């Protein structure tokens, strides 16, 4: 093993240099760490693989996964995004207007959307084949999205695609390691080396939130606005609670220190090196603008004791290679190059010296959704938008009375929740508003029983001074056939999360460093002008369910009655009353007069004549009448049973 291992390493290095220099394929791996206000830590893994166009490079690849390449060409995919999520992103505590919360915070379960470069009449068939392929590739139940009742075709509220987009979600899909393993196999080094080697399964799945995401962008079929080739972006977003080894200390202000943490304390491992096939391998530690402001206040108060520290309230275990500042705010990014620390394992840690309290930058409105009404007949869906404290920062006090903010809502409901779209009402600050004055555009697609779900796309124009807005719509609950109920029908039925976008506000950050944005794919993604986006809760709707034990009860009582009826009838028809009485008398005589019977048999033998059996008396007419009445009674009961219950 001592000789084979260096040879393998050299071979991998040579292969990596060949691919990077001549192949045109590229692979990069990055990790972003961010402390959160509620004593948790965000870890965001970002892996990106790119390949040149097929017409220039050919069909064979060394770094890019073959399964993804075949998937793109088989189904002519322009864009695709697939996410597996467990838990719900806390927009109030973890942020809602930064690139990670807008692009990587996904709804619970599975979410899939794809844009195809095929004729419109072939989109549905291509979507069904794609779901079955992804189901086998990622070992999940994505194939349930092949039914027309499980997916929809958004017009403009989700993506602009001219009818070639399909969207589907499975809120109840469980996420486990059997979904993560195929995802890791798409990486050139898998989880054997590089940043993916620290992905400890128990550390991931005991966290408060984790979402693995796969996004494909292709220009293999002449799409405009996209660079040639195929781009595969794999992200894994985790929110964990670090173990605080020290004793919690409370200060006179009532504040508590944030827990000290490191990469090893979170994942149980250190970064032992890079993937030899990766063009770049970096770790970033981000301090948000609100946290930096609090640290600066602490630095002013404690400048005498901690004058050498850049931010006196926090101490890093490893000196950063570069400090990058954000252009629009005071956010700071510390960059650590993994290749510069190959001589020893890299374990970046954060130690807090003073209690710091801050809050993440949120979206202008906090979106929530809930049900109204009771019973199994009808109800209402309400989407609530509550203004946050950061709305004033985004808009400004001088413009709050004269500006408007656009909010776009995309909602899909199953066919058995029958929405009445004419009942849409909008309440601003508790007052019912005239619908045309608030709703800019609304497009609905009513559901069809067992054929297609209902889709609502609505664009609102809200005054910037709005404190709260509520959109309500009424619905009736449908009835399912008995074979359409799931095994856990009494639990309820899920309505997928609604998508809320703020087109006027961009979730982008611009970190200015020494060629950092050009060399770092994750920083380049942060600079993209994507609108702020958030997801609401998954709704659980109870429907009227039948008593599934009734068929069993009917079968049981029917079989019991038939057994009693036919058993008694056959017993009466097959019984011989006279023979039974003769046998009973013989048994009685044998017990009482055994000696006379033996003497009678001996006398018959001596005389040479057989003993003549005594004649049994004929059945009495009274006994025959009883038998006839019993048969008639049983027959009457059977006829009555079939008449009333048959």
Foldseek 3Di string as FASTA:
>chain_A
DVVVVVVVVVVQLVVLVCCVPPQQKAKAKEWEWEQWQVLKIKIKIKIKIWHFACVPRNLDDDFFDNLVVCLCVVLVFAKKKKKAKDAADDCFGGHFQALCNQPPGDAHGMKIKTFHPDDLVCLLVSVLVSQVSVCVLQVWVSNVCSAQLFKDFDPPLPHPHRRRMIIGGDRPTDDAVSRVQSVQVRGSCRCPAAPSVLAARVLAVVFNMKMKMKMKHACNPPDPPDHHTIMIMIMMMTMHNFDAPDDWDADPVRFTARGKDKSCRRRVDFRQAHSSNHPFHKYKYKYDQQQVVQQVVVCVVCCPPQVPDPRSFKDKPDQAPDWWAWDPGGMIMGMHGRHVVNVGTDMIIMDGDDGTHGGYYHDQWDWAKDWADDDFWKTKIKIKTFGDPCLCVVQPPVCQQPAKFKKKKKFWFGLQWFWDVVQKWKAFPNHTDDVVVWWDDWDWDTHDPSHHIIIIITMTIGRSNTGMMMIMTMTTGHDDDQVPADPPLQQADKGFWMKMWGLVRFNAIAIDDDCCCVVDPVNVSRHDGDTRMHTYHIYGHRHDDDDPCVVVVVVVVVVVLVCVLVVVVVVLVPDDVQVVVVVVVVVVCCVPPVPVVVVVCVVCVVVVHDDDDDDTDDDDPVVVVVSVVVNVVSVVVVVVCVVPPD
